[in-house]
Protein backbone atom coordinates (compact mmCIF):
# COMPACT_ATOMS: atom_id res chain seq x y z
CA MET A 1 -105.66 32.85 -3.75
CA THR A 2 -106.64 30.14 -6.22
CA LYS A 3 -103.95 29.56 -8.84
CA LEU A 4 -104.55 29.27 -12.57
CA SER A 5 -102.55 26.56 -14.30
CA VAL A 6 -102.76 26.74 -18.10
CA ASN A 7 -102.86 23.41 -19.91
CA ILE A 8 -100.93 23.81 -23.18
CA ASN A 9 -101.82 20.47 -24.79
CA LYS A 10 -103.88 22.18 -27.48
CA ILE A 11 -100.87 24.24 -28.53
CA ALA A 12 -98.94 21.02 -29.06
CA THR A 13 -101.88 19.53 -30.99
CA LEU A 14 -101.77 22.45 -33.41
CA ARG A 15 -98.01 22.16 -33.81
CA ASN A 16 -98.14 18.42 -34.41
CA SER A 17 -100.88 18.73 -37.04
CA ARG A 18 -98.43 20.46 -39.41
CA GLY A 19 -95.03 19.28 -38.26
CA GLY A 20 -92.16 21.60 -37.46
CA ASN A 21 -92.24 23.86 -34.44
CA VAL A 22 -95.06 26.33 -35.10
CA PRO A 23 -96.49 27.24 -32.70
CA ASP A 24 -93.52 26.91 -30.38
CA VAL A 25 -94.80 25.09 -27.27
CA LEU A 26 -91.96 26.32 -25.05
CA LYS A 27 -92.45 29.95 -26.09
CA VAL A 28 -96.20 29.77 -25.51
CA ALA A 29 -95.62 28.35 -22.03
CA LEU A 30 -93.27 31.22 -21.19
CA ASP A 31 -95.78 33.71 -22.61
CA CYS A 32 -98.50 32.22 -20.41
CA GLU A 33 -96.28 32.80 -17.39
CA ARG A 34 -95.51 36.34 -18.55
CA PHE A 35 -99.22 37.05 -18.96
CA GLY A 36 -99.98 35.95 -15.39
CA ALA A 37 -100.47 32.19 -15.35
CA ASP A 38 -99.52 30.68 -12.00
CA GLY A 39 -98.52 27.36 -13.51
CA ILE A 40 -98.26 25.25 -16.63
CA THR A 41 -99.97 21.87 -17.06
CA VAL A 42 -99.15 19.20 -19.63
CA HIS A 43 -100.72 15.80 -20.18
CA PRO A 44 -98.41 13.58 -22.25
CA ARG A 45 -100.07 10.45 -23.57
CA PRO A 46 -98.39 7.24 -24.76
CA ASP A 47 -98.93 8.08 -28.45
CA GLN A 48 -97.53 11.61 -27.88
CA ARG A 49 -100.21 13.03 -30.15
CA HIS A 50 -99.91 16.42 -28.48
CA ILE A 51 -97.40 17.00 -25.69
CA ARG A 52 -94.30 14.87 -26.24
CA TYR A 53 -91.94 13.58 -23.62
CA THR A 54 -89.26 15.82 -25.15
CA ASP A 55 -91.52 18.82 -24.49
CA VAL A 56 -91.58 17.92 -20.81
CA PHE A 57 -87.80 17.97 -20.59
CA GLY A 58 -87.67 21.18 -22.61
CA LEU A 59 -90.14 22.90 -20.30
CA ARG A 60 -88.69 21.75 -16.98
CA PRO A 61 -85.58 23.99 -16.86
CA ILE A 62 -87.23 27.14 -18.24
CA LEU A 63 -90.48 27.37 -16.27
CA LYS A 64 -90.52 29.71 -13.30
CA THR A 65 -94.03 28.87 -12.08
CA GLU A 66 -95.49 25.56 -10.94
CA PHE A 67 -95.15 22.66 -13.36
CA ASN A 68 -97.96 20.08 -13.27
CA ILE A 69 -97.72 16.84 -15.26
CA GLU A 70 -100.94 14.85 -15.71
CA GLY A 71 -101.25 11.30 -16.90
CA TYR A 72 -102.04 7.65 -16.37
CA PRO A 73 -99.24 6.03 -14.37
CA ILE A 74 -97.80 3.50 -16.78
CA LYS A 75 -94.10 2.75 -16.22
CA GLU A 76 -92.97 5.21 -18.92
CA PHE A 77 -95.04 8.01 -17.35
CA ILE A 78 -93.73 7.27 -13.86
CA ASP A 79 -90.15 7.30 -15.14
CA LEU A 80 -90.80 10.59 -16.98
CA VAL A 81 -92.16 12.31 -13.87
CA LEU A 82 -89.38 11.03 -11.62
CA LYS A 83 -86.78 12.35 -14.06
CA ALA A 84 -88.48 15.72 -14.70
CA LYS A 85 -89.39 16.31 -11.03
CA PRO A 86 -92.31 18.72 -11.48
CA GLU A 87 -93.85 20.45 -8.50
CA GLN A 88 -97.00 18.36 -8.96
CA VAL A 89 -98.11 15.16 -10.66
CA THR A 90 -101.82 14.60 -11.27
CA LEU A 91 -102.80 10.97 -11.77
CA VAL A 92 -105.76 10.35 -14.08
CA PRO A 93 -107.44 7.04 -15.00
CA ASP A 94 -107.29 7.57 -18.77
CA ALA A 95 -107.17 4.66 -21.17
CA PRO A 96 -104.18 5.01 -23.56
CA ASP A 97 -106.47 5.89 -26.47
CA ALA A 98 -108.73 8.31 -24.58
CA ILE A 99 -109.40 11.58 -26.40
CA THR A 100 -109.63 13.41 -23.09
CA SER A 101 -110.18 12.62 -19.42
CA ASN A 102 -113.75 11.44 -18.89
CA GLN A 103 -113.91 10.11 -15.34
CA GLY A 104 -112.22 10.17 -11.99
CA TRP A 105 -110.46 7.36 -10.17
CA ASP A 106 -112.34 4.65 -8.34
CA THR A 107 -109.90 4.89 -5.47
CA VAL A 108 -111.47 1.94 -3.67
CA THR A 109 -110.99 -0.53 -6.52
CA HIS A 110 -107.54 0.79 -7.42
CA TYR A 111 -106.39 1.40 -3.85
CA ASP A 112 -103.34 -0.90 -3.81
CA PHE A 113 -102.16 0.24 -7.23
CA LEU A 114 -102.44 3.92 -6.35
CA VAL A 115 -100.75 3.49 -2.96
CA ASP A 116 -97.70 2.06 -4.71
CA VAL A 117 -97.57 4.84 -7.32
CA VAL A 118 -98.17 7.68 -4.85
CA GLU A 119 -95.45 6.35 -2.54
CA LYS A 120 -92.94 6.57 -5.41
CA PHE A 121 -93.74 10.21 -6.06
CA ASN A 122 -93.93 11.16 -2.39
CA ALA A 123 -90.49 9.63 -1.85
CA ALA A 124 -89.18 11.87 -4.65
CA GLY A 125 -90.71 14.99 -3.05
CA ILE A 126 -93.30 15.48 -5.79
CA ARG A 127 -96.77 16.63 -4.71
CA THR A 128 -99.42 14.14 -5.80
CA SER A 129 -102.99 14.85 -6.84
CA LEU A 130 -105.63 12.26 -7.72
CA PHE A 131 -108.28 13.07 -10.33
CA VAL A 132 -111.65 12.12 -8.79
CA GLY A 133 -115.35 12.74 -9.09
CA THR A 134 -117.65 13.80 -6.27
CA ASP A 135 -118.17 10.34 -4.76
CA LEU A 136 -117.35 11.00 -1.12
CA LYS A 137 -116.02 7.49 -0.52
CA HIS A 138 -113.53 7.93 -3.34
CA ILE A 139 -112.32 11.14 -1.73
CA GLU A 140 -111.95 9.42 1.64
CA TYR A 141 -109.81 6.74 0.01
CA ALA A 142 -107.72 9.35 -1.79
CA ALA A 143 -106.69 10.57 1.66
CA LYS A 144 -106.00 7.01 2.83
CA ILE A 145 -103.84 6.42 -0.25
CA GLY A 146 -101.60 9.29 0.84
CA ALA A 147 -102.31 11.81 -1.91
CA ASP A 148 -101.56 15.44 -1.10
CA ARG A 149 -104.47 16.76 -3.14
CA ILE A 150 -107.44 15.75 -5.25
CA GLU A 151 -108.49 17.33 -8.51
CA LEU A 152 -112.25 17.39 -8.95
CA TYR A 153 -113.43 16.28 -12.40
CA THR A 154 -115.73 19.15 -13.32
CA GLU A 155 -117.30 18.10 -16.63
CA PRO A 156 -120.62 17.19 -14.91
CA TYR A 157 -120.65 20.65 -13.33
CA ALA A 158 -120.01 22.34 -16.68
CA GLN A 159 -122.74 20.34 -18.40
CA ASN A 160 -125.36 21.10 -15.74
CA TYR A 161 -124.41 24.72 -15.09
CA PRO A 162 -126.56 26.24 -17.91
CA LYS A 163 -129.63 24.33 -16.69
CA ASP A 164 -129.37 24.85 -12.92
CA LYS A 165 -126.17 26.27 -11.50
CA GLU A 166 -127.26 25.72 -7.88
CA ALA A 167 -127.83 22.01 -8.48
CA ALA A 168 -124.68 21.78 -10.59
CA ILE A 169 -122.40 23.09 -7.87
CA ALA A 170 -123.98 21.31 -4.88
CA PRO A 171 -122.12 17.95 -5.05
CA PHE A 172 -118.84 19.75 -5.67
CA VAL A 173 -119.28 21.89 -2.57
CA GLU A 174 -119.85 18.77 -0.49
CA ALA A 175 -116.83 17.10 -2.06
CA GLY A 176 -114.73 20.19 -1.42
CA LYS A 177 -115.80 20.36 2.23
CA LEU A 178 -114.86 16.75 2.78
CA ALA A 179 -111.47 17.24 1.14
CA ARG A 180 -110.77 20.18 3.43
CA LYS A 181 -111.90 18.17 6.49
CA LEU A 182 -109.54 15.33 5.50
CA GLY A 183 -106.62 17.71 5.04
CA LEU A 184 -106.46 17.27 1.27
CA GLY A 185 -105.53 20.15 -1.00
CA LEU A 186 -108.16 20.87 -3.65
CA ASN A 187 -107.73 21.36 -7.39
CA ALA A 188 -110.35 21.30 -10.13
CA GLY A 189 -110.42 20.94 -13.87
CA HIS A 190 -112.19 19.86 -17.07
CA ASP A 191 -114.54 22.07 -19.08
CA LEU A 192 -114.19 25.04 -16.75
CA SER A 193 -114.65 28.22 -18.76
CA LEU A 194 -115.27 31.95 -18.54
CA GLU A 195 -118.96 31.13 -18.37
CA ASN A 196 -118.86 28.87 -15.31
CA LEU A 197 -115.55 29.40 -13.47
CA ALA A 198 -116.50 32.38 -11.32
CA TRP A 199 -119.55 30.61 -9.87
CA PHE A 200 -117.49 27.53 -9.11
CA HIS A 201 -114.88 29.58 -7.29
CA GLN A 202 -117.46 31.70 -5.50
CA ASN A 203 -118.94 28.56 -3.94
CA ILE A 204 -115.62 26.80 -3.27
CA PRO A 205 -113.26 29.70 -2.51
CA TRP A 206 -110.68 27.46 -0.78
CA LEU A 207 -109.65 25.91 -4.10
CA ASP A 208 -105.89 25.69 -4.42
CA GLU A 209 -105.73 25.52 -8.20
CA VAL A 210 -107.72 25.15 -11.41
CA SER A 211 -106.21 23.62 -14.53
CA ILE A 212 -107.74 24.90 -17.78
CA GLY A 213 -106.73 24.24 -21.36
CA HIS A 214 -109.30 23.68 -24.09
CA ALA A 215 -111.68 26.54 -23.28
CA LEU A 216 -108.86 28.96 -22.50
CA ILE A 217 -107.01 28.31 -25.76
CA ALA A 218 -110.28 28.52 -27.71
CA ASP A 219 -111.05 31.92 -26.11
CA ALA A 220 -107.53 33.09 -26.93
CA LEU A 221 -108.26 32.64 -30.66
CA TYR A 222 -110.76 35.49 -30.38
CA ILE A 223 -109.43 37.81 -27.68
CA GLY A 224 -105.74 36.94 -27.49
CA LEU A 225 -103.79 34.92 -24.97
CA GLU A 226 -102.84 37.77 -22.65
CA THR A 227 -106.40 39.09 -22.34
CA THR A 228 -107.78 35.58 -21.93
CA ILE A 229 -105.46 34.71 -19.06
CA LYS A 230 -106.32 38.00 -17.38
CA LYS A 231 -110.05 37.26 -17.66
CA TYR A 232 -109.67 33.76 -16.21
CA LYS A 233 -107.67 35.09 -13.30
CA GLU A 234 -110.38 37.68 -12.65
CA CYS A 235 -112.82 34.79 -12.18
CA LEU A 236 -110.66 33.58 -9.30
CA LEU A 237 -110.56 36.80 -7.30
């Protein structure tokens, strides 16, 4: 069964916009678990404009599901992950000032750098996932680097889905097949929603996990967090 990991960055963004502790990021994470989420994802950035490093350490001892920390592997991020010891770390090629992830790794160009980083996490027993697009060579090199999984960057799929869902999914199916052939676990994330998630999963049913934040939190404003999580999980059946 494909797991649903809820990214709670947007909850932290709302909290930080006012100061104080409303909404309570830790409580929301626990509520997500209670409502059926299979994991919690956070993406702390250097400016800590949403999830803060202190949130990571607050979440680590209380979560009962899988904890996934995303980020660009600067020294501070690497140190954070090694101290927090989540079940999974997802490495993304974000610039420090990026609003959101907007591309996958060029694993050929950054091969040596990523080998060094992945070895650190593997030695600590932390599952590693590399955020990549559908370029098959980049997926091949993700396996050579020693990553346990890849996470497919799905914004192109989401953008093309309303125009031609068959064409939109095709490169992702090929990427997913190659990942499976290479023995890589397969995650996916970015702009997946109630509109397009079921079709994605229907065509790539061997997905290990999807990580969803923005669309899920936006839907929760209208139909509530518990109902929203239930609906997303129904897309993965």
